[in-house]
Amino acid sequence: TTKYRKYLAPHNAENVVIEFLNNSKPKID
C-alpha cells in the first residue's frame, strides 16, 4: 500500500538512468 516500483532497465542501465536524471528528475524537482 505504500511501496511502488517503476522498472527502468533490466541491464545496461547507465544510459537509461542518465536519461531519467536529465529529463524526468527536473520535472519532479
mmCIF file of all heavy atoms, coordinates in Angstrom:
data_MODEL
# 
_entry.id   MODEL 
# 
loop_
_atom_site.group_PDB 
_atom_site.id 
_atom_site.type_symbol 
_atom_site.label_atom_id 
_atom_site.label_alt_id 
_atom_site.label_comp_id 
_atom_site.label_asym_id 
_atom_site.label_entity_id 
_atom_site.label_seq_id 
_atom_site.pdbx_PDB_ins_code 
_atom_site.Cartn_x 
_atom_site.Cartn_y 
_atom_site.Cartn_z 
_atom_site.occupancy 
_atom_site.B_iso_or_equiv 
_atom_site.pdbx_formal_charge 
_atom_site.auth_seq_id 
_atom_site.auth_comp_id 
_atom_site.auth_asym_id 
_atom_site.auth_atom_id 
_atom_site.pdbx_PDB_model_num 
ATOM 1   N N   . THR A 1 1  ? 0.821  -1.216 0.000   1.00 0.00 ? 1  THR A N   1 
ATOM 2   C CA  . THR A 1 1  ? 0.000  0.000  0.000   1.00 0.00 ? 1  THR A CA  1 
ATOM 3   C C   . THR A 1 1  ? 0.850  1.258  0.000   1.00 0.00 ? 1  THR A C   1 
ATOM 4   O O   . THR A 1 1  ? 0.374  2.327  -0.382  1.00 0.00 ? 1  THR A O   1 
ATOM 5   C CB  . THR A 1 1  ? -0.931 0.025  1.226   1.00 0.00 ? 1  THR A CB  1 
ATOM 6   O OG1 . THR A 1 1  ? -0.137 -0.120 2.418   1.00 0.00 ? 1  THR A OG1 1 
ATOM 7   C CG2 . THR A 1 1  ? -1.951 -1.101 1.150   1.00 0.00 ? 1  THR A CG2 1 
ATOM 8   N N   . THR A 1 2  ? 2.122  1.149  0.410   1.00 0.00 ? 2  THR A N   1 
ATOM 9   C CA  . THR A 1 2  ? 2.993  2.333  0.471   1.00 0.00 ? 2  THR A CA  1 
ATOM 10  C C   . THR A 1 2  ? 4.326  2.113  -0.235  1.00 0.00 ? 2  THR A C   1 
ATOM 11  O O   . THR A 1 2  ? 5.296  2.815  0.030   1.00 0.00 ? 2  THR A O   1 
ATOM 12  C CB  . THR A 1 2  ? 3.259  2.732  1.935   1.00 0.00 ? 2  THR A CB  1 
ATOM 13  O OG1 . THR A 1 2  ? 3.858  1.622  2.618   1.00 0.00 ? 2  THR A OG1 1 
ATOM 14  C CG2 . THR A 1 2  ? 1.979  3.153  2.631   1.00 0.00 ? 2  THR A CG2 1 
ATOM 15  N N   . LYS A 1 3  ? 4.391  1.160  -1.142  1.00 0.00 ? 3  LYS A N   1 
ATOM 16  C CA  . LYS A 1 3  ? 5.641  0.903  -1.866  1.00 0.00 ? 3  LYS A CA  1 
ATOM 17  C C   . LYS A 1 3  ? 5.335  0.664  -3.340  1.00 0.00 ? 3  LYS A C   1 
ATOM 18  O O   . LYS A 1 3  ? 4.550  -0.225 -3.684  1.00 0.00 ? 3  LYS A O   1 
ATOM 19  C CB  . LYS A 1 3  ? 6.371  -0.312 -1.282  1.00 0.00 ? 3  LYS A CB  1 
ATOM 20  C CG  . LYS A 1 3  ? 7.711  -0.598 -1.950  1.00 0.00 ? 3  LYS A CG  1 
ATOM 21  C CD  . LYS A 1 3  ? 8.438  -1.755 -1.269  1.00 0.00 ? 3  LYS A CD  1 
ATOM 22  C CE  . LYS A 1 3  ? 9.786  -2.020 -1.930  1.00 0.00 ? 3  LYS A CE  1 
ATOM 23  N NZ  . LYS A 1 3  ? 10.507 -3.142 -1.273  1.00 0.00 ? 3  LYS A NZ  1 
ATOM 24  N N   . TYR A 1 4  ? 5.991  1.446  -4.193  1.00 0.00 ? 4  TYR A N   1 
ATOM 25  C CA  . TYR A 1 4  ? 5.744  1.386  -5.633  1.00 0.00 ? 4  TYR A CA  1 
ATOM 26  C C   . TYR A 1 4  ? 7.076  1.336  -6.374  1.00 0.00 ? 4  TYR A C   1 
ATOM 27  O O   . TYR A 1 4  ? 8.087  1.894  -5.930  1.00 0.00 ? 4  TYR A O   1 
ATOM 28  C CB  . TYR A 1 4  ? 4.936  2.604  -6.092  1.00 0.00 ? 4  TYR A CB  1 
ATOM 29  C CG  . TYR A 1 4  ? 3.528  2.630  -5.541  1.00 0.00 ? 4  TYR A CG  1 
ATOM 30  C CD1 . TYR A 1 4  ? 3.280  3.058  -4.233  1.00 0.00 ? 4  TYR A CD1 1 
ATOM 31  C CD2 . TYR A 1 4  ? 2.443  2.236  -6.319  1.00 0.00 ? 4  TYR A CD2 1 
ATOM 32  C CE1 . TYR A 1 4  ? 1.990  3.077  -3.718  1.00 0.00 ? 4  TYR A CE1 1 
ATOM 33  C CE2 . TYR A 1 4  ? 1.150  2.262  -5.819  1.00 0.00 ? 4  TYR A CE2 1 
ATOM 34  C CZ  . TYR A 1 4  ? 0.931  2.680  -4.516  1.00 0.00 ? 4  TYR A CZ  1 
ATOM 35  O OH  . TYR A 1 4  ? -0.338 2.710  -4.017  1.00 0.00 ? 4  TYR A OH  1 
ATOM 36  N N   . ARG A 1 5  ? 7.043  0.668  -7.530  1.00 0.00 ? 5  ARG A N   1 
ATOM 37  C CA  . ARG A 1 5  ? 8.279  0.478  -8.299  1.00 0.00 ? 5  ARG A CA  1 
ATOM 38  C C   . ARG A 1 5  ? 8.018  0.749  -9.779  1.00 0.00 ? 5  ARG A C   1 
ATOM 39  O O   . ARG A 1 5  ? 7.010  0.315  -10.336 1.00 0.00 ? 5  ARG A O   1 
ATOM 40  C CB  . ARG A 1 5  ? 8.786  -0.961 -8.125  1.00 0.00 ? 5  ARG A CB  1 
ATOM 41  C CG  . ARG A 1 5  ? 10.009 -1.284 -8.962  1.00 0.00 ? 5  ARG A CG  1 
ATOM 42  C CD  . ARG A 1 5  ? 10.441 -2.731 -8.821  1.00 0.00 ? 5  ARG A CD  1 
ATOM 43  N NE  . ARG A 1 5  ? 10.901 -3.021 -7.474  1.00 0.00 ? 5  ARG A NE  1 
ATOM 44  C CZ  . ARG A 1 5  ? 10.267 -3.789 -6.604  1.00 0.00 ? 5  ARG A CZ  1 
ATOM 45  N NH1 . ARG A 1 5  ? 9.113  -4.349 -6.946  1.00 0.00 ? 5  ARG A NH1 1 
ATOM 46  N NH2 . ARG A 1 5  ? 10.760 -4.012 -5.419  1.00 0.00 ? 5  ARG A NH2 1 
ATOM 47  N N   . LYS A 1 6  ? 8.966  1.451  -10.385 1.00 0.00 ? 6  LYS A N   1 
ATOM 48  C CA  . LYS A 1 6  ? 8.938  1.680  -11.838 1.00 0.00 ? 6  LYS A CA  1 
ATOM 49  C C   . LYS A 1 6  ? 10.204 1.063  -12.424 1.00 0.00 ? 6  LYS A C   1 
ATOM 50  O O   . LYS A 1 6  ? 11.315 1.439  -12.044 1.00 0.00 ? 6  LYS A O   1 
ATOM 51  C CB  . LYS A 1 6  ? 8.898  3.176  -12.166 1.00 0.00 ? 6  LYS A CB  1 
ATOM 52  C CG  . LYS A 1 6  ? 9.002  3.505  -13.662 1.00 0.00 ? 6  LYS A CG  1 
ATOM 53  C CD  . LYS A 1 6  ? 9.025  5.017  -13.879 1.00 0.00 ? 6  LYS A CD  1 
ATOM 54  C CE  . LYS A 1 6  ? 9.309  5.369  -15.343 1.00 0.00 ? 6  LYS A CE  1 
ATOM 55  N NZ  . LYS A 1 6  ? 8.202  4.960  -16.223 1.00 0.00 ? 6  LYS A NZ  1 
ATOM 56  N N   . TYR A 1 7  ? 10.053 0.119  -13.326 1.00 0.00 ? 7  TYR A N   1 
ATOM 57  C CA  . TYR A 1 7  ? 11.203 -0.553 -13.923 1.00 0.00 ? 7  TYR A CA  1 
ATOM 58  C C   . TYR A 1 7  ? 11.881 0.372  -14.933 1.00 0.00 ? 7  TYR A C   1 
ATOM 59  O O   . TYR A 1 7  ? 11.235 0.906  -15.838 1.00 0.00 ? 7  TYR A O   1 
ATOM 60  C CB  . TYR A 1 7  ? 10.781 -1.854 -14.604 1.00 0.00 ? 7  TYR A CB  1 
ATOM 61  C CG  . TYR A 1 7  ? 10.351 -2.910 -13.608 1.00 0.00 ? 7  TYR A CG  1 
ATOM 62  C CD1 . TYR A 1 7  ? 9.008  -3.057 -13.253 1.00 0.00 ? 7  TYR A CD1 1 
ATOM 63  C CD2 . TYR A 1 7  ? 11.294 -3.732 -13.007 1.00 0.00 ? 7  TYR A CD2 1 
ATOM 64  C CE1 . TYR A 1 7  ? 8.622  -4.012 -12.315 1.00 0.00 ? 7  TYR A CE1 1 
ATOM 65  C CE2 . TYR A 1 7  ? 10.909 -4.695 -12.075 1.00 0.00 ? 7  TYR A CE2 1 
ATOM 66  C CZ  . TYR A 1 7  ? 9.578  -4.825 -11.741 1.00 0.00 ? 7  TYR A CZ  1 
ATOM 67  O OH  . TYR A 1 7  ? 9.200  -5.758 -10.818 1.00 0.00 ? 7  TYR A OH  1 
ATOM 68  N N   . LEU A 1 8  ? 13.180 0.550  -14.766 1.00 0.00 ? 8  LEU A N   1 
ATOM 69  C CA  . LEU A 1 8  ? 13.951 1.380  -15.697 1.00 0.00 ? 8  LEU A CA  1 
ATOM 70  C C   . LEU A 1 8  ? 14.651 0.539  -16.753 1.00 0.00 ? 8  LEU A C   1 
ATOM 71  O O   . LEU A 1 8  ? 14.464 0.747  -17.946 1.00 0.00 ? 8  LEU A O   1 
ATOM 72  C CB  . LEU A 1 8  ? 14.984 2.220  -14.929 1.00 0.00 ? 8  LEU A CB  1 
ATOM 73  C CG  . LEU A 1 8  ? 14.463 3.440  -14.178 1.00 0.00 ? 8  LEU A CG  1 
ATOM 74  C CD1 . LEU A 1 8  ? 15.616 4.172  -13.507 1.00 0.00 ? 8  LEU A CD1 1 
ATOM 75  C CD2 . LEU A 1 8  ? 13.709 4.383  -15.109 1.00 0.00 ? 8  LEU A CD2 1 
ATOM 76  N N   . ALA A 1 9  ? 15.483 -0.404 -16.298 1.00 0.00 ? 9  ALA A N   1 
ATOM 77  C CA  . ALA A 1 9  ? 16.241 -1.213 -17.264 1.00 0.00 ? 9  ALA A CA  1 
ATOM 78  C C   . ALA A 1 9  ? 16.689 -2.507 -16.602 1.00 0.00 ? 9  ALA A C   1 
ATOM 79  O O   . ALA A 1 9  ? 17.260 -2.476 -15.509 1.00 0.00 ? 9  ALA A O   1 
ATOM 80  C CB  . ALA A 1 9  ? 17.451 -0.440 -17.779 1.00 0.00 ? 9  ALA A CB  1 
ATOM 81  N N   . PRO A 1 10 ? 16.462 -3.665 -17.249 1.00 0.00 ? 10 PRO A N   1 
ATOM 82  C CA  . PRO A 1 10 ? 16.892 -4.943 -16.680 1.00 0.00 ? 10 PRO A CA  1 
ATOM 83  C C   . PRO A 1 10 ? 18.391 -5.194 -16.849 1.00 0.00 ? 10 PRO A C   1 
ATOM 84  O O   . PRO A 1 10 ? 18.950 -6.079 -16.216 1.00 0.00 ? 10 PRO A O   1 
ATOM 85  C CB  . PRO A 1 10 ? 16.069 -5.963 -17.463 1.00 0.00 ? 10 PRO A CB  1 
ATOM 86  C CG  . PRO A 1 10 ? 15.826 -5.306 -18.789 1.00 0.00 ? 10 PRO A CG  1 
ATOM 87  C CD  . PRO A 1 10 ? 15.695 -3.837 -18.493 1.00 0.00 ? 10 PRO A CD  1 
ATOM 88  N N   . HIS A 1 11 ? 19.059 -4.418 -17.709 1.00 0.00 ? 11 HIS A N   1 
ATOM 89  C CA  . HIS A 1 11 ? 20.507 -4.496 -17.897 1.00 0.00 ? 11 HIS A CA  1 
ATOM 90  C C   . HIS A 1 11 ? 20.954 -3.264 -18.681 1.00 0.00 ? 11 HIS A C   1 
ATOM 91  O O   . HIS A 1 11 ? 20.136 -2.522 -19.229 1.00 0.00 ? 11 HIS A O   1 
ATOM 92  C CB  . HIS A 1 11 ? 20.917 -5.786 -18.628 1.00 0.00 ? 11 HIS A CB  1 
ATOM 93  C CG  . HIS A 1 11 ? 20.204 -5.995 -19.933 1.00 0.00 ? 11 HIS A CG  1 
ATOM 94  N ND1 . HIS A 1 11 ? 20.586 -5.379 -21.100 1.00 0.00 ? 11 HIS A ND1 1 
ATOM 95  C CD2 . HIS A 1 11 ? 19.113 -6.727 -20.240 1.00 0.00 ? 11 HIS A CD2 1 
ATOM 96  C CE1 . HIS A 1 11 ? 19.761 -5.734 -22.068 1.00 0.00 ? 11 HIS A CE1 1 
ATOM 97  N NE2 . HIS A 1 11 ? 18.856 -6.552 -21.578 1.00 0.00 ? 11 HIS A NE2 1 
ATOM 98  N N   . ASN A 1 12 ? 22.271 -3.004 -18.684 1.00 0.00 ? 12 ASN A N   1 
ATOM 99  C CA  . ASN A 1 12 ? 22.827 -1.821 -19.365 1.00 0.00 ? 12 ASN A CA  1 
ATOM 100 C C   . ASN A 1 12 ? 22.037 -0.557 -18.995 1.00 0.00 ? 12 ASN A C   1 
ATOM 101 O O   . ASN A 1 12 ? 21.589 0.205  -19.861 1.00 0.00 ? 12 ASN A O   1 
ATOM 102 C CB  . ASN A 1 12 ? 22.817 -2.022 -20.884 1.00 0.00 ? 12 ASN A CB  1 
ATOM 103 C CG  . ASN A 1 12 ? 23.756 -3.125 -21.330 1.00 0.00 ? 12 ASN A CG  1 
ATOM 104 O OD1 . ASN A 1 12 ? 24.896 -3.195 -20.883 1.00 0.00 ? 12 ASN A OD1 1 
ATOM 105 N ND2 . ASN A 1 12 ? 23.271 -4.012 -22.187 1.00 0.00 ? 12 ASN A ND2 1 
ATOM 106 N N   . ALA A 1 13 ? 21.906 -0.341 -17.691 1.00 0.00 ? 13 ALA A N   1 
ATOM 107 C CA  . ALA A 1 13 ? 21.005 0.713  -17.206 1.00 0.00 ? 13 ALA A CA  1 
ATOM 108 C C   . ALA A 1 13 ? 21.610 2.110  -17.222 1.00 0.00 ? 13 ALA A C   1 
ATOM 109 O O   . ALA A 1 13 ? 20.894 3.097  -17.025 1.00 0.00 ? 13 ALA A O   1 
ATOM 110 C CB  . ALA A 1 13 ? 20.557 0.382  -15.781 1.00 0.00 ? 13 ALA A CB  1 
ATOM 111 N N   . GLU A 1 14 ? 22.914 2.230  -17.449 1.00 0.00 ? 14 GLU A N   1 
ATOM 112 C CA  . GLU A 1 14 ? 23.568 3.522  -17.295 1.00 0.00 ? 14 GLU A CA  1 
ATOM 113 C C   . GLU A 1 14 ? 22.903 4.622  -18.128 1.00 0.00 ? 14 GLU A C   1 
ATOM 114 O O   . GLU A 1 14 ? 22.560 5.696  -17.612 1.00 0.00 ? 14 GLU A O   1 
ATOM 115 C CB  . GLU A 1 14 ? 25.059 3.422  -17.664 1.00 0.00 ? 14 GLU A CB  1 
ATOM 116 C CG  . GLU A 1 14 ? 25.889 2.651  -16.649 1.00 0.00 ? 14 GLU A CG  1 
ATOM 117 C CD  . GLU A 1 14 ? 25.950 1.169  -16.941 1.00 0.00 ? 14 GLU A CD  1 
ATOM 118 O OE1 . GLU A 1 14 ? 25.038 0.657  -17.623 1.00 0.00 ? 14 GLU A OE1 1 
ATOM 119 O OE2 . GLU A 1 14 ? 26.907 0.513  -16.476 1.00 0.00 ? 14 GLU A OE2 1 
ATOM 120 N N   . ASN A 1 15 ? 22.716 4.378  -19.410 1.00 0.00 ? 15 ASN A N   1 
ATOM 121 C CA  . ASN A 1 15 ? 22.148 5.414  -20.289 1.00 0.00 ? 15 ASN A CA  1 
ATOM 122 C C   . ASN A 1 15 ? 20.702 5.736  -19.922 1.00 0.00 ? 15 ASN A C   1 
ATOM 123 O O   . ASN A 1 15 ? 20.270 6.893  -20.013 1.00 0.00 ? 15 ASN A O   1 
ATOM 124 C CB  . ASN A 1 15 ? 22.236 4.966  -21.754 1.00 0.00 ? 15 ASN A CB  1 
ATOM 125 C CG  . ASN A 1 15 ? 23.661 4.947  -22.260 1.00 0.00 ? 15 ASN A CG  1 
ATOM 126 O OD1 . ASN A 1 15 ? 24.532 5.637  -21.728 1.00 0.00 ? 15 ASN A OD1 1 
ATOM 127 N ND2 . ASN A 1 15 ? 23.914 4.167  -23.290 1.00 0.00 ? 15 ASN A ND2 1 
ATOM 128 N N   . VAL A 1 16 ? 19.949 4.712  -19.494 1.00 0.00 ? 16 VAL A N   1 
ATOM 129 C CA  . VAL A 1 16 ? 18.556 4.937  -19.105 1.00 0.00 ? 16 VAL A CA  1 
ATOM 130 C C   . VAL A 1 16 ? 18.489 5.801  -17.851 1.00 0.00 ? 16 VAL A C   1 
ATOM 131 O O   . VAL A 1 16 ? 17.648 6.698  -17.732 1.00 0.00 ? 16 VAL A O   1 
ATOM 132 C CB  . VAL A 1 16 ? 17.841 3.593  -18.876 1.00 0.00 ? 16 VAL A CB  1 
ATOM 133 C CG1 . VAL A 1 16 ? 16.401 3.821  -18.445 1.00 0.00 ? 16 VAL A CG1 1 
ATOM 134 C CG2 . VAL A 1 16 ? 17.893 2.738  -20.139 1.00 0.00 ? 16 VAL A CG2 1 
ATOM 135 N N   . VAL A 1 17 ? 19.399 5.550  -16.910 1.00 0.00 ? 17 VAL A N   1 
ATOM 136 C CA  . VAL A 1 17 ? 19.432 6.351  -15.680 1.00 0.00 ? 17 VAL A CA  1 
ATOM 137 C C   . VAL A 1 17 ? 19.816 7.797  -16.001 1.00 0.00 ? 17 VAL A C   1 
ATOM 138 O O   . VAL A 1 17 ? 19.207 8.741  -15.471 1.00 0.00 ? 17 VAL A O   1 
ATOM 139 C CB  . VAL A 1 17 ? 20.426 5.735  -14.663 1.00 0.00 ? 17 VAL A CB  1 
ATOM 140 C CG1 . VAL A 1 17 ? 20.668 6.692  -13.499 1.00 0.00 ? 17 VAL A CG1 1 
ATOM 141 C CG2 . VAL A 1 17 ? 19.888 4.400  -14.156 1.00 0.00 ? 17 VAL A CG2 1 
ATOM 142 N N   . ILE A 1 18 ? 20.802 7.975  -16.854 1.00 0.00 ? 18 ILE A N   1 
ATOM 143 C CA  . ILE A 1 18 ? 21.202 9.341  -17.235 1.00 0.00 ? 18 ILE A CA  1 
ATOM 144 C C   . ILE A 1 18 ? 20.040 10.064 -17.911 1.00 0.00 ? 18 ILE A C   1 
ATOM 145 O O   . ILE A 1 18 ? 19.782 11.251 -17.656 1.00 0.00 ? 18 ILE A O   1 
ATOM 146 C CB  . ILE A 1 18 ? 22.427 9.303  -18.167 1.00 0.00 ? 18 ILE A CB  1 
ATOM 147 C CG1 . ILE A 1 18 ? 23.643 8.723  -17.440 1.00 0.00 ? 18 ILE A CG1 1 
ATOM 148 C CG2 . ILE A 1 18 ? 22.741 10.702 -18.681 1.00 0.00 ? 18 ILE A CG2 1 
ATOM 149 C CD1 . ILE A 1 18 ? 24.040 9.438  -16.185 1.00 0.00 ? 18 ILE A CD1 1 
ATOM 150 N N   . GLU A 1 19 ? 19.316 9.352  -18.762 1.00 0.00 ? 19 GLU A N   1 
ATOM 151 C CA  . GLU A 1 19 ? 18.153 9.952  -19.421 1.00 0.00 ? 19 GLU A CA  1 
ATOM 152 C C   . GLU A 1 19 ? 17.099 10.361 -18.383 1.00 0.00 ? 19 GLU A C   1 
ATOM 153 O O   . GLU A 1 19 ? 16.499 11.436 -18.490 1.00 0.00 ? 19 GLU A O   1 
ATOM 154 C CB  . GLU A 1 19 ? 17.558 8.958  -20.423 1.00 0.00 ? 19 GLU A CB  1 
ATOM 155 C CG  . GLU A 1 19 ? 16.379 9.518  -21.199 1.00 0.00 ? 19 GLU A CG  1 
ATOM 156 C CD  . GLU A 1 19 ? 15.801 8.510  -22.185 1.00 0.00 ? 19 GLU A CD  1 
ATOM 157 O OE1 . GLU A 1 19 ? 16.399 7.426  -22.326 1.00 0.00 ? 19 GLU A OE1 1 
ATOM 158 O OE2 . GLU A 1 19 ? 14.751 8.807  -22.781 1.00 0.00 ? 19 GLU A OE2 1 
ATOM 159 N N   . PHE A 1 20 ? 16.890 9.517  -17.375 1.00 0.00 ? 20 PHE A N   1 
ATOM 160 C CA  . PHE A 1 20 ? 15.947 9.852  -16.305 1.00 0.00 ? 20 PHE A CA  1 
ATOM 161 C C   . PHE A 1 20 ? 16.407 11.109 -15.559 1.00 0.00 ? 20 PHE A C   1 
ATOM 162 O O   . PHE A 1 20 ? 15.600 12.007 -15.283 1.00 0.00 ? 20 PHE A O   1 
ATOM 163 C CB  . PHE A 1 20 ? 15.818 8.681  -15.332 1.00 0.00 ? 20 PHE A CB  1 
ATOM 164 C CG  . PHE A 1 20 ? 15.081 9.031  -14.071 1.00 0.00 ? 20 PHE A CG  1 
ATOM 165 C CD1 . PHE A 1 20 ? 13.689 9.047  -14.035 1.00 0.00 ? 20 PHE A CD1 1 
ATOM 166 C CD2 . PHE A 1 20 ? 15.784 9.369  -12.917 1.00 0.00 ? 20 PHE A CD2 1 
ATOM 167 C CE1 . PHE A 1 20 ? 13.011 9.392  -12.875 1.00 0.00 ? 20 PHE A CE1 1 
ATOM 168 C CE2 . PHE A 1 20 ? 15.112 9.710  -11.755 1.00 0.00 ? 20 PHE A CE2 1 
ATOM 169 C CZ  . PHE A 1 20 ? 13.721 9.714  -11.731 1.00 0.00 ? 20 PHE A CZ  1 
ATOM 170 N N   . LEU A 1 21 ? 17.682 11.178 -15.228 1.00 0.00 ? 21 LEU A N   1 
ATOM 171 C CA  . LEU A 1 21 ? 18.199 12.330 -14.490 1.00 0.00 ? 21 LEU A CA  1 
ATOM 172 C C   . LEU A 1 21 ? 18.112 13.606 -15.319 1.00 0.00 ? 21 LEU A C   1 
ATOM 173 O O   . LEU A 1 21 ? 17.859 14.695 -14.792 1.00 0.00 ? 21 LEU A O   1 
ATOM 174 C CB  . LEU A 1 21 ? 19.648 12.074 -14.059 1.00 0.00 ? 21 LEU A CB  1 
ATOM 175 C CG  . LEU A 1 21 ? 19.863 10.938 -13.052 1.00 0.00 ? 21 LEU A CG  1 
ATOM 176 C CD1 . LEU A 1 21 ? 21.345 10.735 -12.777 1.00 0.00 ? 21 LEU A CD1 1 
ATOM 177 C CD2 . LEU A 1 21 ? 19.115 11.195 -11.753 1.00 0.00 ? 21 LEU A CD2 1 
ATOM 178 N N   . ASN A 1 22 ? 18.321 13.465 -16.621 1.00 0.00 ? 22 ASN A N   1 
ATOM 179 C CA  . ASN A 1 22 ? 18.282 14.655 -17.495 1.00 0.00 ? 22 ASN A CA  1 
ATOM 180 C C   . ASN A 1 22 ? 16.859 15.133 -17.766 1.00 0.00 ? 22 ASN A C   1 
ATOM 181 O O   . ASN A 1 22 ? 16.600 16.345 -17.772 1.00 0.00 ? 22 ASN A O   1 
ATOM 182 C CB  . ASN A 1 22 ? 18.961 14.338 -18.834 1.00 0.00 ? 22 ASN A CB  1 
ATOM 183 C CG  . ASN A 1 22 ? 20.472 14.383 -18.733 1.00 0.00 ? 22 ASN A CG  1 
ATOM 184 O OD1 . ASN A 1 22 ? 21.029 15.072 -17.886 1.00 0.00 ? 22 ASN A OD1 1 
ATOM 185 N ND2 . ASN A 1 22 ? 21.142 13.631 -19.599 1.00 0.00 ? 22 ASN A ND2 1 
ATOM 186 N N   . ASN A 1 23 ? 15.940 14.218 -17.970 1.00 0.00 ? 23 ASN A N   1 
ATOM 187 C CA  . ASN A 1 23 ? 14.614 14.585 -18.473 1.00 0.00 ? 23 ASN A CA  1 
ATOM 188 C C   . ASN A 1 23 ? 13.496 14.494 -17.437 1.00 0.00 ? 23 ASN A C   1 
ATOM 189 O O   . ASN A 1 23 ? 12.591 15.336 -17.431 1.00 0.00 ? 23 ASN A O   1 
ATOM 190 C CB  . ASN A 1 23 ? 14.253 13.699 -19.676 1.00 0.00 ? 23 ASN A CB  1 
ATOM 191 C CG  . ASN A 1 23 ? 15.247 13.842 -20.807 1.00 0.00 ? 23 ASN A CG  1 
ATOM 192 O OD1 . ASN A 1 23 ? 15.758 14.934 -21.036 1.00 0.00 ? 23 ASN A OD1 1 
ATOM 193 N ND2 . ASN A 1 23 ? 15.542 12.762 -21.500 1.00 0.00 ? 23 ASN A ND2 1 
ATOM 194 N N   . SER A 1 24 ? 13.552 13.500 -16.564 1.00 0.00 ? 24 SER A N   1 
ATOM 195 C CA  . SER A 1 24 ? 12.441 13.290 -15.627 1.00 0.00 ? 24 SER A CA  1 
ATOM 196 C C   . SER A 1 24 ? 12.672 13.946 -14.275 1.00 0.00 ? 24 SER A C   1 
ATOM 197 O O   . SER A 1 24 ? 11.752 14.532 -13.696 1.00 0.00 ? 24 SER A O   1 
ATOM 198 C CB  . SER A 1 24 ? 12.199 11.791 -15.436 1.00 0.00 ? 24 SER A CB  1 
ATOM 199 O OG  . SER A 1 24 ? 11.849 11.183 -16.661 1.00 0.00 ? 24 SER A OG  1 
ATOM 200 N N   . LYS A 1 25 ? 13.885 13.849 -13.758 1.00 0.00 ? 25 LYS A N   1 
ATOM 201 C CA  . LYS A 1 25 ? 14.124 14.408 -12.428 1.00 0.00 ? 25 LYS A CA  1 
ATOM 202 C C   . LYS A 1 25 ? 13.852 15.919 -12.373 1.00 0.00 ? 25 LYS A C   1 
ATOM 203 O O   . LYS A 1 25 ? 13.289 16.403 -11.365 1.00 0.00 ? 25 LYS A O   1 
ATOM 204 C CB  . LYS A 1 25 ? 15.542 14.100 -11.943 1.00 0.00 ? 25 LYS A CB  1 
ATOM 205 C CG  . LYS A 1 25 ? 15.768 14.537 -10.485 1.00 0.00 ? 25 LYS A CG  1 
ATOM 206 C CD  . LYS A 1 25 ? 17.136 14.141 -9.991  1.00 0.00 ? 25 LYS A CD  1 
ATOM 207 C CE  . LYS A 1 25 ? 17.314 14.558 -8.537  1.00 0.00 ? 25 LYS A CE  1 
ATOM 208 N NZ  . LYS A 1 25 ? 17.244 16.023 -8.354  1.00 0.00 ? 25 LYS A NZ  1 
ATOM 209 N N   . PRO A 1 26 ? 14.215 16.705 -13.395 1.00 0.00 ? 26 PRO A N   1 
ATOM 210 C CA  . PRO A 1 26 ? 13.883 18.145 -13.331 1.00 0.00 ? 26 PRO A CA  1 
ATOM 211 C C   . PRO A 1 26 ? 12.381 18.395 -13.181 1.00 0.00 ? 26 PRO A C   1 
ATOM 212 O O   . PRO A 1 26 ? 11.974 19.355 -12.514 1.00 0.00 ? 26 PRO A O   1 
ATOM 213 C CB  . PRO A 1 26 ? 14.411 18.684 -14.664 1.00 0.00 ? 26 PRO A CB  1 
ATOM 214 C CG  . PRO A 1 26 ? 15.522 17.759 -15.022 1.00 0.00 ? 26 PRO A CG  1 
ATOM 215 C CD  . PRO A 1 26 ? 15.068 16.406 -14.562 1.00 0.00 ? 26 PRO A CD  1 
ATOM 216 N N   . LYS A 1 27 ? 11.551 17.529 -13.755 1.00 0.00 ? 27 LYS A N   1 
ATOM 217 C CA  . LYS A 1 27 ? 10.100 17.692 -13.614 1.00 0.00 ? 27 LYS A CA  1 
ATOM 218 C C   . LYS A 1 27 ? 9.659  17.399 -12.175 1.00 0.00 ? 27 LYS A C   1 
ATOM 219 O O   . LYS A 1 27 ? 8.774  18.069 -11.645 1.00 0.00 ? 27 LYS A O   1 
ATOM 220 C CB  . LYS A 1 27 ? 9.380  16.758 -14.592 1.00 0.00 ? 27 LYS A CB  1 
ATOM 221 C CG  . LYS A 1 27 ? 9.673  17.052 -16.061 1.00 0.00 ? 27 LYS A CG  1 
ATOM 222 C CD  . LYS A 1 27 ? 8.996  16.031 -16.964 1.00 0.00 ? 27 LYS A CD  1 
ATOM 223 C CE  . LYS A 1 27 ? 9.355  16.282 -18.429 1.00 0.00 ? 27 LYS A CE  1 
ATOM 224 N NZ  . LYS A 1 27 ? 8.752  15.268 -19.333 1.00 0.00 ? 27 LYS A NZ  1 
ATOM 225 N N   . ILE A 1 28 ? 10.297 16.400 -11.558 1.00 0.00 ? 28 ILE A N   1 
ATOM 226 C CA  . ILE A 1 28 ? 9.996  16.087 -10.158 1.00 0.00 ? 28 ILE A CA  1 
ATOM 227 C C   . ILE A 1 28 ? 10.451 17.240 -9.265  1.00 0.00 ? 28 ILE A C   1 
ATOM 228 O O   . ILE A 1 28 ? 9.750  17.631 -8.318  1.00 0.00 ? 28 ILE A O   1 
ATOM 229 C CB  . ILE A 1 28 ? 10.672 14.772 -9.737  1.00 0.00 ? 28 ILE A CB  1 
ATOM 230 C CG1 . ILE A 1 28 ? 10.228 13.617 -10.643 1.00 0.00 ? 28 ILE A CG1 1 
ATOM 231 C CG2 . ILE A 1 28 ? 10.363 14.449 -8.283  1.00 0.00 ? 28 ILE A CG2 1 
ATOM 232 C CD1 . ILE A 1 28 ? 8.751  13.351 -10.636 1.00 0.00 ? 28 ILE A CD1 1 
ATOM 233 N N   . ASP A 1 29 ? 11.633 17.782 -9.556  1.00 0.00 ? 29 ASP A N   1 
ATOM 234 C CA  . ASP A 1 29 ? 12.130 18.926 -8.781  1.00 0.00 ? 29 ASP A CA  1 
ATOM 235 C C   . ASP A 1 29 ? 11.151 20.103 -8.867  1.00 0.00 ? 29 ASP A C   1 
ATOM 236 O O   . ASP A 1 29 ? 10.887 20.782 -7.866  1.00 0.00 ? 29 ASP A O   1 
ATOM 237 C CB  . ASP A 1 29 ? 13.504 19.359 -9.297  1.00 0.00 ? 29 ASP A CB  1 
ATOM 238 C CG  . ASP A 1 29 ? 14.584 18.323 -9.019  1.00 0.00 ? 29 ASP A CG  1 
ATOM 239 O OD1 . ASP A 1 29 ? 14.322 17.399 -8.237  1.00 0.00 ? 29 ASP A OD1 1 
ATOM 240 O OD2 . ASP A 1 29 ? 15.690 18.452 -9.587  1.00 0.00 ? 29 ASP A OD2 1 
# 
